[in-house]
Amino acid sequence: MGQTPRSHSSSSPSRRLSRTDSSKEPLFPGEEKDHDPSRRSFQLRKIIMTLGASVLTLGYALWEPRLLQISHINLKLPSFPVSFNGLRIVHFSDAHLGFHTGMKELSKLAARIKEQQPDLICFTGDMVERQAAPMLECVPVLASMTATYGKFAVLGNHDYRGQQQQDVKNMFQEAGFTLLCNEHVIIEKDGDQLAVTGLDDALTGSPDPETAVAGLKQHVWKMLLMHEPDYADYAAPYGFGLQLSGHSHGGQVRFPWFGAMTTPRGSRKYIQGLHYTSRHQMPVYVNRGFGMTLLPIRFLCRPELTVLHLHSDNESNHS
């Protein structure tokens, strides 16, 4: 007869893997690590999404300066001369030539201005970033801009920054712009008059509204070109019917609910778009500008070309 294997044989598999119930030794020594795949996957997705959003945001901020917005603004204005009803004013500002803006970009802007068939073209300061030289090659482009009643400009603080403002003035004149520095020009049509008035820059020049309106009859409707929009509170008592300004760039970088992150002195109150002064209720339109400064980006603050359509609030009484 064969022998039956003994249950306690050392070769028994069950014997080799068994251990006493009283033993507290772990079967596999070492510390257990957290290998939760769902948590790790979430963290990885979060990092990738954050990096992706940052790259896309920066990319858009670099691209947005090319996305010119044309804003059409219709205004009915007290005492606006009826003969000029429907007057189209094309307003641009803050080219900052020499800082990521040059002849190529200005040529594209000139083409868009021509499409609007302007009666007046108004530029409200900062044609150059600092030096006057970048404006030189752009003189033919500026000269190509035409309007029924002419084109007008004022200086901004950056036009003074390189202490070459006289060169800037000369090039404006060469390009056919009437540069207004504490002075006015009267435009006439069918017996009606309006005055285009311009002031010197408030931060670096010497604005003098009293001199600017000297000699104007009280009934003449007056429009003001002034680089810094917040100057409107000082200008309103002089009887201007409308102020056009730039300077702020709309903040250049804006965020939902917060608005502009920062704006320069002279544009802390009126930052972009249409406003009215608390006294005299003078309308102030702030153009977001065409160029950039400090950083070559815009975010949720596209460059702007404004087309203002002006009407008399008495138009119905003269039709």
Protein backbone atom coordinates (compact mmCIF):
# COMPACT_ATOMS: atom_id res chain seq x y z
CA MET A 1 0.00 0.00 0.00
CA GLY A 2 1.16 3.51 -0.73
CA GLN A 3 1.65 6.08 1.97
CA THR A 4 -0.73 8.97 2.36
CA PRO A 5 1.15 12.28 2.48
CA ARG A 6 1.21 13.86 5.91
CA SER A 7 -0.81 16.96 6.33
CA HIS A 8 2.06 18.83 8.08
CA SER A 9 4.66 18.14 5.45
CA SER A 10 6.99 21.11 4.87
CA SER A 11 6.45 20.77 1.14
CA SER A 12 2.73 21.50 1.43
CA PRO A 13 1.71 24.74 -0.46
CA SER A 14 -0.76 25.66 2.21
CA ARG A 15 1.95 25.43 4.77
CA ARG A 16 4.33 27.72 2.91
CA LEU A 17 1.78 30.60 2.61
CA SER A 18 0.21 30.29 6.01
CA ARG A 19 1.09 32.42 9.02
CA THR A 20 -0.15 32.48 12.56
CA ASP A 21 -3.26 34.51 13.32
CA SER A 22 -1.40 36.41 16.04
CA SER A 23 1.21 37.84 13.64
CA LYS A 24 0.95 41.60 12.96
CA GLU A 25 3.59 41.74 10.28
CA PRO A 26 2.20 43.07 6.96
CA LEU A 27 2.23 40.65 4.15
CA PHE A 28 3.96 43.26 1.93
CA PRO A 29 6.18 45.65 3.93
CA GLY A 30 6.38 49.44 3.18
CA GLU A 31 3.95 52.40 3.26
CA GLU A 32 0.86 52.49 1.12
CA LYS A 33 0.80 55.37 -1.37
CA ASP A 34 -2.22 57.24 -2.72
CA HIS A 35 -2.63 56.19 -6.32
CA ASP A 36 -6.15 57.54 -6.81
CA PRO A 37 -6.25 57.77 -10.63
CA SER A 38 -9.30 60.01 -10.68
CA ARG A 39 -7.65 62.66 -8.45
CA ARG A 40 -4.38 62.62 -10.35
CA SER A 41 -6.22 62.87 -13.63
CA PHE A 42 -8.20 65.87 -12.36
CA GLN A 43 -5.05 67.67 -11.21
CA LEU A 44 -3.35 67.02 -14.55
CA ARG A 45 -6.37 68.29 -16.47
CA LYS A 46 -6.46 71.39 -14.27
CA ILE A 47 -2.80 72.18 -14.98
CA ILE A 48 -3.20 71.59 -18.72
CA MET A 49 -6.34 73.75 -18.87
CA THR A 50 -4.67 76.57 -16.92
CA LEU A 51 -1.62 76.54 -19.18
CA GLY A 52 -3.81 76.32 -22.28
CA ALA A 53 -6.00 79.21 -21.14
CA SER A 54 -2.92 81.32 -20.42
CA VAL A 55 -1.45 80.63 -23.85
CA LEU A 56 -4.78 81.34 -25.58
CA THR A 57 -5.30 84.54 -23.57
CA LEU A 58 -1.85 85.83 -24.41
CA GLY A 59 -2.30 84.87 -28.05
CA TYR A 60 -5.61 86.70 -28.23
CA ALA A 61 -4.17 89.75 -26.45
CA LEU A 62 -1.45 89.91 -29.10
CA TRP A 63 -4.01 89.45 -31.90
CA GLU A 64 -6.71 91.84 -30.68
CA PRO A 65 -4.82 95.02 -31.73
CA ARG A 66 -5.60 93.98 -35.34
CA LEU A 67 -9.36 93.79 -34.68
CA LEU A 68 -10.41 97.36 -35.37
CA GLN A 69 -13.91 98.19 -34.16
CA ILE A 70 -15.92 100.87 -35.97
CA SER A 71 -18.36 102.47 -33.53
CA HIS A 72 -21.31 104.45 -34.93
CA ILE A 73 -22.69 107.01 -32.47
CA ASN A 74 -25.86 109.00 -33.16
CA LEU A 75 -26.25 112.19 -31.16
CA LYS A 76 -29.04 114.78 -31.02
CA LEU A 77 -27.51 117.96 -29.69
CA PRO A 78 -29.06 121.18 -28.37
CA SER A 79 -28.39 124.19 -30.60
CA PHE A 80 -26.61 122.11 -33.21
CA PRO A 81 -27.00 123.99 -36.53
CA VAL A 82 -29.73 122.47 -38.66
CA SER A 83 -27.81 122.95 -41.92
CA PHE A 84 -25.25 120.44 -40.64
CA ASN A 85 -27.78 117.73 -39.72
CA GLY A 86 -26.30 114.29 -40.31
CA LEU A 87 -22.72 115.58 -40.11
CA ARG A 88 -20.37 112.57 -40.07
CA ILE A 89 -17.30 113.03 -37.91
CA VAL A 90 -14.68 110.30 -38.09
CA HIS A 91 -12.70 110.34 -34.87
CA PHE A 92 -9.47 108.46 -34.22
CA SER A 93 -6.81 108.84 -31.57
CA ASP A 94 -3.57 107.56 -30.03
CA ALA A 95 -1.71 106.06 -32.98
CA HIS A 96 1.57 105.89 -31.01
CA LEU A 97 3.63 105.53 -34.17
CA GLY A 98 6.94 103.89 -33.35
CA PHE A 99 5.53 101.45 -30.79
CA HIS A 100 4.26 98.45 -32.76
CA THR A 101 2.31 100.77 -35.07
CA GLY A 102 3.66 102.08 -38.36
CA MET A 103 2.81 102.86 -41.96
CA LYS A 104 1.29 99.43 -42.64
CA GLU A 105 -1.23 99.69 -39.81
CA LEU A 106 -1.99 103.35 -40.50
CA SER A 107 -2.59 102.61 -44.19
CA LYS A 108 -5.24 100.04 -43.24
CA LEU A 109 -6.85 102.59 -40.94
CA ALA A 110 -6.86 105.20 -43.71
CA ALA A 111 -8.74 102.78 -45.96
CA ARG A 112 -11.39 102.24 -43.28
CA ILE A 113 -11.70 106.00 -42.76
CA LYS A 114 -12.28 106.50 -46.48
CA GLU A 115 -15.11 103.94 -46.41
CA GLN A 116 -16.99 106.12 -43.89
CA GLN A 117 -17.14 109.11 -46.30
CA PRO A 118 -16.38 111.61 -43.51
CA ASP A 119 -17.48 115.23 -43.42
CA LEU A 120 -14.87 115.93 -40.76
CA ILE A 121 -11.83 113.95 -39.60
CA CYS A 122 -10.68 114.59 -36.03
CA PHE A 123 -7.55 113.24 -34.36
CA THR A 124 -7.21 113.72 -30.60
CA GLY A 125 -3.54 113.35 -29.80
CA ASP A 126 -0.54 111.03 -29.40
CA MET A 127 0.33 110.56 -33.03
CA VAL A 128 3.81 109.36 -31.96
CA GLU A 129 5.03 107.30 -29.02
CA ARG A 130 8.06 109.50 -28.31
CA GLN A 131 10.26 110.29 -31.31
CA ALA A 132 8.89 112.17 -34.32
CA ALA A 133 10.84 110.14 -36.91
CA PRO A 134 8.29 107.26 -37.26
CA MET A 135 5.69 109.80 -38.36
CA LEU A 136 7.78 110.92 -41.33
CA GLU A 137 7.07 107.90 -43.53
CA CYS A 138 3.38 108.12 -42.58
CA VAL A 139 2.88 111.68 -43.84
CA PRO A 140 1.68 110.48 -47.29
CA VAL A 141 -0.85 108.17 -45.59
CA LEU A 142 -2.14 111.00 -43.39
CA ALA A 143 -2.26 113.25 -46.48
CA SER A 144 -4.44 110.69 -48.27
CA MET A 145 -7.20 111.11 -45.66
CA THR A 146 -9.86 113.49 -46.97
CA ALA A 147 -13.07 114.96 -45.60
CA THR A 148 -15.65 117.44 -46.88
CA TYR A 149 -14.91 120.15 -44.31
CA GLY A 150 -11.31 119.27 -43.54
CA LYS A 151 -9.31 117.35 -40.96
CA PHE A 152 -8.22 118.59 -37.56
CA ALA A 153 -5.86 117.46 -34.82
CA VAL A 154 -4.55 118.30 -31.35
CA LEU A 155 -1.38 117.19 -29.57
CA GLY A 156 -1.23 114.62 -26.77
CA ASN A 157 1.27 114.13 -23.97
CA HIS A 158 3.31 111.58 -25.96
CA ASP A 159 3.71 114.07 -28.80
CA TYR A 160 5.69 116.17 -26.30
CA ARG A 161 7.58 113.28 -24.71
CA GLY A 162 10.55 113.28 -27.07
CA GLN A 163 10.65 117.12 -27.06
CA GLN A 164 10.12 116.99 -30.81
CA GLN A 165 6.63 118.45 -30.83
CA GLN A 166 7.59 121.08 -33.39
CA ASP A 167 8.52 118.32 -35.84
CA VAL A 168 5.18 116.67 -35.16
CA LYS A 169 3.39 119.96 -35.79
CA ASN A 170 5.25 120.46 -39.07
CA MET A 171 4.35 116.98 -40.30
CA PHE A 172 0.67 117.49 -39.43
CA GLN A 173 0.75 120.62 -41.53
CA GLU A 174 2.50 118.81 -44.38
CA ALA A 175 -0.20 116.11 -44.26
CA GLY A 176 -2.96 118.71 -44.57
CA PHE A 177 -4.23 118.54 -40.98
CA THR A 178 -5.15 121.76 -39.19
CA LEU A 179 -3.45 121.49 -35.81
CA LEU A 180 -5.42 123.41 -33.19
CA CYS A 181 -3.62 124.67 -30.08
CA ASN A 182 -5.93 126.88 -28.03
CA GLU A 183 -7.68 128.09 -31.17
CA HIS A 184 -10.70 127.47 -33.37
CA VAL A 185 -11.76 127.24 -37.00
CA ILE A 186 -15.24 128.22 -38.21
CA ILE A 187 -17.04 126.07 -40.78
CA GLU A 188 -20.02 127.50 -42.67
CA LYS A 189 -22.92 125.95 -44.59
CA ASP A 190 -26.12 127.58 -45.82
CA GLY A 191 -25.75 130.50 -43.43
CA ASP A 192 -25.08 128.29 -40.37
CA GLN A 193 -21.77 128.11 -38.55
CA LEU A 194 -20.01 125.67 -36.25
CA ALA A 195 -16.61 125.97 -34.66
CA VAL A 196 -14.01 123.23 -34.32
CA THR A 197 -11.91 124.11 -31.27
CA GLY A 198 -8.73 122.47 -30.04
CA LEU A 199 -6.77 122.79 -26.81
CA ASP A 200 -3.15 122.14 -25.95
CA ASP A 201 -2.35 118.98 -24.01
CA ALA A 202 -3.27 119.20 -20.32
CA LEU A 203 -0.37 117.14 -18.93
CA THR A 204 2.55 118.64 -20.80
CA GLY A 205 1.19 121.76 -22.51
CA SER A 206 -0.87 124.77 -21.48
CA PRO A 207 -4.56 124.45 -22.36
CA ASP A 208 -6.39 127.78 -22.48
CA PRO A 209 -10.09 127.44 -23.33
CA GLU A 210 -10.72 131.16 -22.88
CA THR A 211 -8.23 131.99 -25.63
CA ALA A 212 -9.56 129.14 -27.76
CA VAL A 213 -13.09 130.56 -27.92
CA ALA A 214 -12.11 134.23 -28.02
CA GLY A 215 -13.98 136.08 -30.76
CA LEU A 216 -16.70 133.46 -31.18
CA LYS A 217 -20.26 134.70 -31.04
CA GLN A 218 -22.33 133.14 -28.29
CA HIS A 219 -24.80 131.44 -30.65
CA VAL A 220 -22.09 129.53 -32.59
CA TRP A 221 -22.09 125.84 -31.75
CA LYS A 222 -18.64 124.70 -30.62
CA MET A 223 -16.99 121.26 -30.66
CA LEU A 224 -13.86 120.68 -28.58
CA LEU A 225 -10.90 118.42 -29.36
CA MET A 226 -8.92 117.68 -26.19
CA HIS A 227 -6.55 114.79 -25.56
CA GLU A 228 -7.38 114.14 -21.90
CA PRO A 229 -11.10 113.33 -21.41
CA ASP A 230 -11.26 114.33 -17.75
CA TYR A 231 -10.59 117.92 -18.79
CA ALA A 232 -14.27 117.99 -19.79
CA ASP A 233 -15.23 119.12 -16.29
CA TYR A 234 -13.09 122.25 -16.79
CA ALA A 235 -14.21 122.82 -20.39
CA ALA A 236 -17.96 122.43 -19.94
CA PRO A 237 -18.59 125.96 -18.55
CA TYR A 238 -17.24 127.46 -21.80
CA GLY A 239 -20.32 126.31 -23.69
CA PHE A 240 -18.94 123.49 -25.82
CA GLY A 241 -21.59 121.28 -27.37
CA LEU A 242 -19.38 118.17 -27.56
CA GLN A 243 -15.89 117.10 -26.51
CA LEU A 244 -13.89 114.41 -28.34
CA SER A 245 -10.95 112.82 -26.53
CA GLY A 246 -8.62 109.85 -26.43
CA HIS A 247 -5.68 109.23 -24.07
CA SER A 248 -7.19 106.41 -22.00
CA HIS A 249 -6.94 103.59 -24.60
CA GLY A 250 -10.04 102.36 -22.76
CA GLY A 251 -7.56 100.93 -20.29
CA GLN A 252 -6.04 98.78 -23.09
CA VAL A 253 -6.51 95.71 -20.86
CA ARG A 254 -9.98 95.12 -19.42
CA PHE A 255 -11.62 92.27 -17.54
CA PRO A 256 -15.29 91.34 -17.19
CA TRP A 257 -16.97 92.98 -14.18
CA PHE A 258 -13.75 94.84 -13.25
CA GLY A 259 -13.31 96.98 -16.35
CA ALA A 260 -10.01 98.71 -17.01
CA MET A 261 -7.11 97.57 -14.86
CA THR A 262 -5.48 100.99 -14.99
CA THR A 263 -5.77 104.28 -16.87
CA PRO A 264 -3.38 107.26 -17.03
CA ARG A 265 -3.82 110.60 -15.32
CA GLY A 266 -6.43 112.65 -17.09
CA SER A 267 -8.67 109.66 -17.86
CA ARG A 268 -9.71 108.28 -14.50
CA LYS A 269 -13.32 109.48 -14.71
CA TYR A 270 -14.16 109.25 -18.41
CA ILE A 271 -12.52 106.09 -19.76
CA GLN A 272 -14.31 104.96 -22.91
CA GLY A 273 -17.45 105.66 -24.88
CA LEU A 274 -20.07 108.34 -24.33
CA HIS A 275 -20.41 110.28 -21.08
CA TYR A 276 -22.03 113.51 -19.91
CA THR A 277 -20.52 115.97 -17.48
CA SER A 278 -22.49 116.45 -14.29
CA ARG A 279 -22.53 120.22 -14.80
CA HIS A 280 -23.88 121.57 -18.08
CA GLN A 281 -24.46 117.99 -19.32
CA MET A 282 -21.82 118.32 -22.02
CA PRO A 283 -21.38 115.06 -23.97
CA VAL A 284 -17.85 113.61 -23.95
CA TYR A 285 -16.87 110.82 -26.29
CA VAL A 286 -13.68 108.90 -25.42
CA ASN A 287 -12.12 106.93 -28.26
CA ARG A 288 -10.19 103.80 -27.16
CA GLY A 289 -7.35 104.66 -29.52
CA PHE A 290 -5.72 102.92 -32.43
CA GLY A 291 -2.25 102.11 -31.13
CA MET A 292 -0.78 100.91 -27.85
CA THR A 293 1.74 101.95 -25.24
CA LEU A 294 3.61 100.23 -22.39
CA LEU A 295 2.65 96.76 -23.64
CA PRO A 296 2.01 95.64 -27.25
CA ILE A 297 -1.28 94.00 -26.29
CA ARG A 298 -4.97 94.69 -25.93
CA PHE A 299 -7.46 92.51 -24.08
CA LEU A 300 -11.24 92.93 -24.33
CA CYS A 301 -10.48 96.47 -25.48
CA ARG A 302 -10.30 96.56 -29.27
CA PRO A 303 -8.80 99.52 -31.14
CA GLU A 304 -11.52 101.91 -32.21
CA LEU A 305 -12.53 104.15 -35.08
CA THR A 306 -15.54 106.27 -34.14
CA VAL A 307 -18.10 107.65 -36.58
CA LEU A 308 -20.31 110.25 -34.93
CA HIS A 309 -23.55 111.22 -36.67
CA LEU A 310 -24.64 114.62 -35.35
CA HIS A 311 -28.20 115.98 -35.51
CA SER A 312 -30.00 119.01 -34.16
CA ASP A 313 -32.62 118.32 -31.52
CA ASN A 314 -34.62 121.03 -33.34
CA GLU A 315 -34.49 119.17 -36.66
CA SER A 316 -38.21 118.28 -36.60
CA ASN A 317 -39.10 121.96 -36.22
CA HIS A 318 -37.21 122.84 -39.43
CA SER A 319 -38.31 120.00 -41.68
